[in-house]
Amino acid sequence: MTVKMQPRIINGNTYEMPTVNDMDRTQINTRLHYINEELSKIKAKQAALISMRDELDRHNEMQEMGDLFDEMFGG
């Protein structure tokens, strides 16, 4: 990563701003915000899937079926 100065237009005026990989600080912060939102959505989906799996495990235990994975694959 190399910092280099590039022109940016702000309020109609051109300024030389430091950038890395052609992104200035505002662009980097915007990208980080977007990624954080996506991570939050993924974490929520992960939590839902874990909860569903746990519910299946509880159901299995109540039915005294043992470990379904072992039954299916001879473990």
N, C-alpha and C. Protein backbone atom coordinates (compact mmCIF):
# COMPACT_ATOMS: atom_id res chain seq x y z
N MET A 1 0.84 -1.17 0.00
CA MET A 1 0.00 0.00 0.00
C MET A 1 0.89 1.24 0.00
N THR A 2 0.57 2.10 -0.89
CA THR A 2 1.33 3.33 -1.01
C THR A 2 0.39 4.52 -0.95
N VAL A 3 0.76 5.49 -0.14
CA VAL A 3 -0.02 6.73 -0.06
C VAL A 3 0.43 7.64 -1.20
N LYS A 4 -0.54 8.12 -1.95
CA LYS A 4 -0.21 9.10 -2.99
C LYS A 4 -1.29 10.17 -3.02
N MET A 5 -0.91 11.34 -3.45
CA MET A 5 -1.84 12.46 -3.52
C MET A 5 -2.60 12.38 -4.84
N GLN A 6 -3.93 12.57 -4.73
CA GLN A 6 -4.77 12.57 -5.91
C GLN A 6 -5.79 13.70 -5.79
N PRO A 7 -6.21 14.23 -6.92
CA PRO A 7 -7.20 15.31 -6.86
C PRO A 7 -8.58 14.78 -6.46
N ARG A 8 -9.25 15.52 -5.61
CA ARG A 8 -10.63 15.23 -5.21
C ARG A 8 -11.41 16.53 -5.29
N ILE A 9 -12.64 16.45 -5.79
CA ILE A 9 -13.50 17.63 -5.88
C ILE A 9 -14.40 17.65 -4.66
N ILE A 10 -14.30 18.71 -3.87
CA ILE A 10 -15.10 18.89 -2.67
C ILE A 10 -15.77 20.25 -2.75
N ASN A 11 -17.09 20.26 -2.74
CA ASN A 11 -17.87 21.51 -2.85
C ASN A 11 -17.44 22.34 -4.06
N GLY A 12 -17.19 21.68 -5.18
CA GLY A 12 -16.86 22.37 -6.41
C GLY A 12 -15.40 22.78 -6.53
N ASN A 13 -14.60 22.58 -5.50
CA ASN A 13 -13.18 22.92 -5.55
C ASN A 13 -12.34 21.64 -5.59
N THR A 14 -11.24 21.70 -6.29
CA THR A 14 -10.34 20.55 -6.40
C THR A 14 -9.24 20.66 -5.36
N TYR A 15 -9.05 19.57 -4.62
CA TYR A 15 -8.02 19.50 -3.59
C TYR A 15 -7.17 18.26 -3.83
N GLU A 16 -5.90 18.33 -3.49
CA GLU A 16 -5.03 17.16 -3.51
C GLU A 16 -5.16 16.48 -2.16
N MET A 17 -5.65 15.24 -2.19
CA MET A 17 -5.90 14.49 -0.97
C MET A 17 -5.05 13.22 -0.96
N PRO A 18 -4.60 12.81 0.22
CA PRO A 18 -3.87 11.54 0.28
C PRO A 18 -4.83 10.36 0.06
N THR A 19 -4.38 9.37 -0.71
CA THR A 19 -5.18 8.18 -1.00
C THR A 19 -4.30 6.94 -0.86
N VAL A 20 -4.95 5.81 -0.64
CA VAL A 20 -4.28 4.51 -0.66
C VAL A 20 -5.12 3.63 -1.57
N ASN A 21 -4.47 2.99 -2.54
CA ASN A 21 -5.20 2.18 -3.53
C ASN A 21 -6.33 2.98 -4.16
N ASP A 22 -6.07 4.23 -4.43
CA ASP A 22 -7.01 5.16 -5.07
C ASP A 22 -8.23 5.48 -4.22
N MET A 23 -8.19 5.19 -2.91
CA MET A 23 -9.32 5.49 -2.03
C MET A 23 -8.87 6.52 -0.99
N ASP A 24 -9.70 7.56 -0.82
CA ASP A 24 -9.41 8.54 0.23
C ASP A 24 -10.08 8.08 1.53
N ARG A 25 -9.86 8.83 2.60
CA ARG A 25 -10.36 8.43 3.92
C ARG A 25 -11.88 8.27 3.94
N THR A 26 -12.60 9.15 3.28
CA THR A 26 -14.07 9.07 3.24
C THR A 26 -14.51 7.79 2.54
N GLN A 27 -13.89 7.46 1.43
CA GLN A 27 -14.24 6.24 0.70
C GLN A 27 -13.94 4.99 1.53
N ILE A 28 -12.81 5.00 2.23
CA ILE A 28 -12.45 3.87 3.09
C ILE A 28 -13.47 3.72 4.21
N ASN A 29 -13.84 4.82 4.85
CA ASN A 29 -14.83 4.76 5.94
C ASN A 29 -16.19 4.27 5.44
N THR A 30 -16.59 4.70 4.26
CA THR A 30 -17.85 4.25 3.68
C THR A 30 -17.81 2.76 3.43
N ARG A 31 -16.71 2.26 2.88
CA ARG A 31 -16.56 0.83 2.62
C ARG A 31 -16.58 0.04 3.92
N LEU A 32 -15.88 0.53 4.96
CA LEU A 32 -15.88 -0.13 6.27
C LEU A 32 -17.28 -0.19 6.87
N HIS A 33 -18.03 0.88 6.73
CA HIS A 33 -19.41 0.91 7.24
C HIS A 33 -20.25 -0.15 6.54
N TYR A 34 -20.14 -0.23 5.22
CA TYR A 34 -20.89 -1.23 4.46
C TYR A 34 -20.51 -2.64 4.89
N ILE A 35 -19.21 -2.90 5.03
CA ILE A 35 -18.75 -4.23 5.43
C ILE A 35 -19.27 -4.57 6.83
N ASN A 36 -19.26 -3.61 7.75
CA ASN A 36 -19.78 -3.86 9.10
C ASN A 36 -21.26 -4.21 9.07
N GLU A 37 -22.03 -3.54 8.22
CA GLU A 37 -23.45 -3.88 8.09
C GLU A 37 -23.63 -5.29 7.54
N GLU A 38 -22.84 -5.65 6.55
CA GLU A 38 -22.92 -6.99 5.98
C GLU A 38 -22.52 -8.05 7.01
N LEU A 39 -21.48 -7.76 7.80
CA LEU A 39 -21.07 -8.69 8.85
C LEU A 39 -22.18 -8.90 9.87
N SER A 40 -22.87 -7.83 10.21
CA SER A 40 -23.98 -7.93 11.16
C SER A 40 -25.07 -8.84 10.62
N LYS A 41 -25.38 -8.70 9.33
CA LYS A 41 -26.39 -9.55 8.71
C LYS A 41 -25.94 -11.01 8.70
N ILE A 42 -24.68 -11.24 8.38
CA ILE A 42 -24.15 -12.61 8.35
C ILE A 42 -24.16 -13.21 9.74
N LYS A 43 -23.78 -12.43 10.75
CA LYS A 43 -23.79 -12.93 12.13
C LYS A 43 -25.21 -13.28 12.58
N ALA A 44 -26.20 -12.49 12.16
CA ALA A 44 -27.60 -12.78 12.51
C ALA A 44 -28.04 -14.08 11.84
N LYS A 45 -27.66 -14.28 10.57
CA LYS A 45 -28.00 -15.53 9.87
C LYS A 45 -27.31 -16.72 10.54
N GLN A 46 -26.06 -16.52 10.94
CA GLN A 46 -25.31 -17.58 11.62
C GLN A 46 -26.00 -17.95 12.93
N ALA A 47 -26.40 -16.95 13.70
CA ALA A 47 -27.07 -17.21 14.98
C ALA A 47 -28.37 -17.96 14.76
N ALA A 48 -29.12 -17.60 13.72
CA ALA A 48 -30.38 -18.29 13.43
C ALA A 48 -30.12 -19.75 13.06
N LEU A 49 -29.11 -20.01 12.25
CA LEU A 49 -28.79 -21.38 11.86
C LEU A 49 -28.31 -22.20 13.05
N ILE A 50 -27.51 -21.61 13.91
CA ILE A 50 -27.06 -22.31 15.12
C ILE A 50 -28.25 -22.65 16.00
N SER A 51 -29.17 -21.72 16.12
CA SER A 51 -30.37 -21.95 16.92
C SER A 51 -31.20 -23.09 16.34
N MET A 52 -31.34 -23.13 15.02
CA MET A 52 -32.08 -24.22 14.38
C MET A 52 -31.40 -25.55 14.62
N ARG A 53 -30.09 -25.57 14.49
CA ARG A 53 -29.34 -26.81 14.73
C ARG A 53 -29.50 -27.27 16.17
N ASP A 54 -29.42 -26.33 17.10
CA ASP A 54 -29.59 -26.66 18.52
C ASP A 54 -30.98 -27.22 18.79
N GLU A 55 -31.98 -26.67 18.12
CA GLU A 55 -33.35 -27.17 18.29
C GLU A 55 -33.46 -28.61 17.79
N LEU A 56 -32.83 -28.90 16.67
CA LEU A 56 -32.82 -30.28 16.18
C LEU A 56 -32.11 -31.21 17.16
N ASP A 57 -31.01 -30.75 17.73
CA ASP A 57 -30.30 -31.56 18.72
C ASP A 57 -31.17 -31.83 19.95
N ARG A 58 -31.88 -30.80 20.42
CA ARG A 58 -32.78 -30.98 21.56
C ARG A 58 -33.89 -31.99 21.23
N HIS A 59 -34.42 -31.87 20.02
CA HIS A 59 -35.46 -32.80 19.60
C HIS A 59 -34.92 -34.24 19.58
N ASN A 60 -33.73 -34.39 19.04
CA ASN A 60 -33.08 -35.70 19.01
C ASN A 60 -32.93 -36.27 20.41
N GLU A 61 -32.47 -35.46 21.32
CA GLU A 61 -32.26 -35.92 22.69
C GLU A 61 -33.58 -36.34 23.33
N MET A 62 -34.63 -35.57 23.07
CA MET A 62 -35.93 -35.90 23.64
C MET A 62 -36.45 -37.23 23.08
N GLN A 63 -36.15 -37.50 21.87
CA GLN A 63 -36.60 -38.74 21.24
C GLN A 63 -35.64 -39.90 21.51
N GLU A 64 -34.59 -39.60 22.24
CA GLU A 64 -33.56 -40.59 22.57
C GLU A 64 -33.06 -41.31 21.32
N MET A 65 -32.82 -40.49 20.32
CA MET A 65 -32.35 -41.05 19.05
C MET A 65 -30.83 -41.11 19.01
N GLY A 66 -30.21 -40.52 20.00
CA GLY A 66 -28.75 -40.48 19.96
C GLY A 66 -28.27 -39.44 18.98
N ASP A 67 -27.06 -39.53 18.63
CA ASP A 67 -26.45 -38.58 17.71
C ASP A 67 -26.81 -38.95 16.27
N LEU A 68 -27.61 -38.10 15.64
CA LEU A 68 -28.08 -38.37 14.28
C LEU A 68 -26.92 -38.55 13.31
N PHE A 69 -25.87 -37.81 13.50
CA PHE A 69 -24.72 -37.92 12.61
C PHE A 69 -24.15 -39.34 12.68
N ASP A 70 -24.00 -39.87 13.88
CA ASP A 70 -23.49 -41.24 14.03
C ASP A 70 -24.40 -42.26 13.37
N GLU A 71 -25.69 -42.06 13.51
CA GLU A 71 -26.63 -43.00 12.91
C GLU A 71 -26.55 -42.97 11.38
N MET A 72 -26.39 -41.76 10.85
CA MET A 72 -26.39 -41.62 9.39
C MET A 72 -25.09 -42.14 8.77
N PHE A 73 -23.97 -41.94 9.48
CA PHE A 73 -22.68 -42.23 8.87
C PHE A 73 -21.91 -43.32 9.61
N GLY A 74 -22.56 -43.99 10.52
CA GLY A 74 -21.93 -45.11 11.20
C GLY A 74 -20.77 -44.73 12.09
N GLY A 75 -20.82 -43.49 12.65
CA GLY A 75 -19.71 -43.01 13.48
C GLY A 75 -19.72 -43.63 14.80
